[in-house]
C-alpha atoms as a PDB file:
ATOM      1  CA  UNK A   1     -26.725  -9.327  29.518  1.00  0.00           C
ATOM      2  CA  UNK A   2     -28.926  -6.255  30.989  1.00  0.00           C
ATOM      3  CA  UNK A   3     -27.827  -5.082  34.006  1.00  0.00           C
ATOM      4  CA  UNK A   4     -31.024  -6.094  36.199  1.00  0.00           C
ATOM      5  CA  UNK A   5     -30.574 -10.242  34.961  1.00  0.00           C
ATOM      6  CA  UNK A   6     -30.874 -12.240  37.636  1.00  0.00           C
ATOM      7  CA  UNK A   7     -31.279 -10.297  40.352  1.00  0.00           C
ATOM      8  CA  UNK A   8     -33.828 -10.042  42.457  1.00  0.00           C
ATOM      9  CA  UNK A   9     -36.208  -7.755  45.003  1.00  0.00           C
ATOM     10  CA  UNK A  10     -35.046  -7.225  48.831  1.00  0.00           C
ATOM     11  CA  UNK A  11     -38.730  -6.932  49.883  1.00  0.00           C
ATOM     12  CA  UNK A  12     -41.209  -9.725  48.105  1.00  0.00           C
ATOM     13  CA  UNK A  13     -37.758 -11.832  46.388  1.00  0.00           C
ATOM     14  CA  UNK A  14     -39.399 -11.006  43.228  1.00  0.00           C
ATOM     15  CA  UNK A  15     -37.645 -11.003  39.501  1.00  0.00           C
ATOM     16  CA  UNK A  16     -36.420  -7.073  38.560  1.00  0.00           C
ATOM     17  CA  UNK A  17     -36.404  -6.589  35.052  1.00  0.00           C
ATOM     18  CA  UNK A  18     -35.902  -3.350  32.995  1.00  0.00           C
ATOM     19  CA  UNK A  19     -37.996  -0.134  32.543  1.00  0.00           C
ATOM     20  CA  UNK A  20     -38.314   3.742  31.188  1.00  0.00           C
ATOM     21  CA  UNK A  21     -40.207   5.546  34.031  1.00  0.00           C
ATOM     22  CA  UNK A  22     -41.175   8.426  35.024  1.00  0.00           C
ATOM     23  CA  UNK A  23     -39.922  10.345  38.198  1.00  0.00           C
ATOM     24  CA  UNK A  24     -41.955  13.433  40.011  1.00  0.00           C
ATOM     25  CA  UNK A  25     -40.480  15.589  42.516  1.00  0.00           C
ATOM     26  CA  UNK A  26     -41.475  18.611  43.941  1.00  0.00           C
ATOM     27  CA  UNK A  27     -38.028  20.699  45.087  1.00  0.00           C
ATOM     28  CA  UNK A  28     -38.770  23.561  47.075  1.00  0.00           C
ATOM     29  CA  UNK A  29     -42.163  24.843  46.165  1.00  0.00           C
ATOM     30  CA  UNK A  30     -41.082  23.439  42.353  1.00  0.00           C
ATOM     31  CA  UNK A  31     -42.084  20.670  40.834  1.00  0.00           C
ATOM     32  CA  UNK A  32     -39.537  19.164  38.845  1.00  0.00           C
ATOM     33  CA  UNK A  33     -40.308  15.600  36.022  1.00  0.00           C
ATOM     34  CA  UNK A  34     -37.526  13.627  35.392  1.00  0.00           C
ATOM     35  CA  UNK A  35     -38.860  11.050  32.467  1.00  0.00           C
ATOM     36  CA  UNK A  36     -37.153   7.915  30.559  1.00  0.00           C
ATOM     37  CA  UNK A  37     -35.056   7.316  33.504  1.00  0.00           C
ATOM     38  CA  UNK A  38     -33.833   3.705  33.193  1.00  0.00           C
ATOM     39  CA  UNK A  39     -34.400   1.521  36.508  1.00  0.00           C
ATOM     40  CA  UNK A  40     -35.005  -1.977  37.775  1.00  0.00           C
ATOM     41  CA  UNK A  41     -38.586  -2.958  38.549  1.00  0.00           C
ATOM     42  CA  UNK A  42     -39.564  -5.870  40.582  1.00  0.00           C
ATOM     43  CA  UNK A  43     -41.702  -7.523  38.718  1.00  0.00           C
ATOM     44  CA  UNK A  44     -44.010  -7.987  41.792  1.00  0.00           C
ATOM     45  CA  UNK A  45     -43.783  -5.158  43.975  1.00  0.00           C
ATOM     46  CA  UNK A  46     -42.890  -2.846  41.725  1.00  0.00           C
ATOM     47  CA  UNK A  47     -40.217  -1.139  44.226  1.00  0.00           C
ATOM     48  CA  UNK A  48     -38.293   0.519  41.770  1.00  0.00           C
ATOM     49  CA  UNK A  49     -34.206   0.629  41.799  1.00  0.00           C
ATOM     50  CA  UNK A  50     -31.620   2.776  40.359  1.00  0.00           C
ATOM     51  CA  UNK A  51     -28.211   2.430  39.736  1.00  0.00           C
ATOM     52  CA  UNK A  52     -25.321   5.583  40.676  1.00  0.00           C
ATOM     53  CA  UNK A  53     -24.373   6.561  38.382  1.00  0.00           C
ATOM     54  CA  UNK A  54     -29.041   7.376  36.824  1.00  0.00           C
ATOM     55  CA  UNK A  55     -28.803   8.361  41.002  1.00  0.00           C
ATOM     56  CA  UNK A  56     -26.042  10.874  40.250  1.00  0.00           C
ATOM     57  CA  UNK A  57     -27.928  12.253  37.240  1.00  0.00           C
ATOM     58  CA  UNK A  58     -31.711  12.352  39.157  1.00  0.00           C
ATOM     59  CA  UNK A  59     -29.345  14.421  41.645  1.00  0.00           C
ATOM     60  CA  UNK A  60     -27.518  17.036  39.246  1.00  0.00           C
ATOM     61  CA  UNK A  61     -30.816  17.078  37.166  1.00  0.00           C
ATOM     62  CA  UNK A  62     -33.330  18.594  40.619  1.00  0.00           C
ATOM     63  CA  UNK A  63     -30.591  20.588  41.705  1.00  0.00           C
ATOM     64  CA  UNK A  64     -30.683  22.383  38.278  1.00  0.00           C
ATOM     65  CA  UNK A  65     -27.150  21.340  37.035  1.00  0.00           C
ATOM     66  CA  UNK A  66     -28.836  20.095  34.034  1.00  0.00           C
ATOM     67  CA  UNK A  67     -30.567  22.012  32.092  1.00  0.00           C
ATOM     68  CA  UNK A  68     -34.437  21.226  31.597  1.00  0.00           C
ATOM     69  CA  UNK A  69     -35.074  19.481  27.753  1.00  0.00           C
ATOM     70  CA  UNK A  70     -39.082  21.582  28.086  1.00  0.00           C
ATOM     71  CA  UNK A  71     -41.879  23.037  30.106  1.00  0.00           C
ATOM     72  CA  UNK A  72     -45.829  21.971  30.915  1.00  0.00           C
ATOM     73  CA  UNK A  73     -48.475  23.949  32.642  1.00  0.00           C
ATOM     74  CA  UNK A  74     -50.026  21.898  35.285  1.00  0.00           C
ATOM     75  CA  UNK A  75     -53.456  22.838  35.745  1.00  0.00           C
ATOM     76  CA  UNK A  76     -53.714  22.958  39.593  1.00  0.00           C
ATOM     77  CA  UNK A  77     -57.727  21.635  41.143  1.00  0.00           C
ATOM     78  CA  UNK A  78     -58.399  22.086  45.046  1.00  0.00           C
ATOM     79  CA  UNK A  79     -61.392  20.435  46.546  1.00  0.00           C
END
C-alpha cells in the first residue's frame, strides 16, 4: 500500500498520488536544487505534500549538512 493512497487534498479534495519532484530554493544568496524528492501531489490542483522524514532531509540539505551530489552553472539574464 502506498503512503498517500486514499488521502485527499486539504484544499480542493482531489486525490493525492506519489511522485518524484524537483524543488529549488534560495538560501542566503545561493540557489539550491533538490531533485527526486518523494512527494504526494494532488491530481487536481497540484499541491505538494511531504512526509516528516522527507522534510527533515530537505532541511539538512538546505543547511549544508548533506554533501551536494553535483554543482551546475546557471545562466542569468536581466531584462
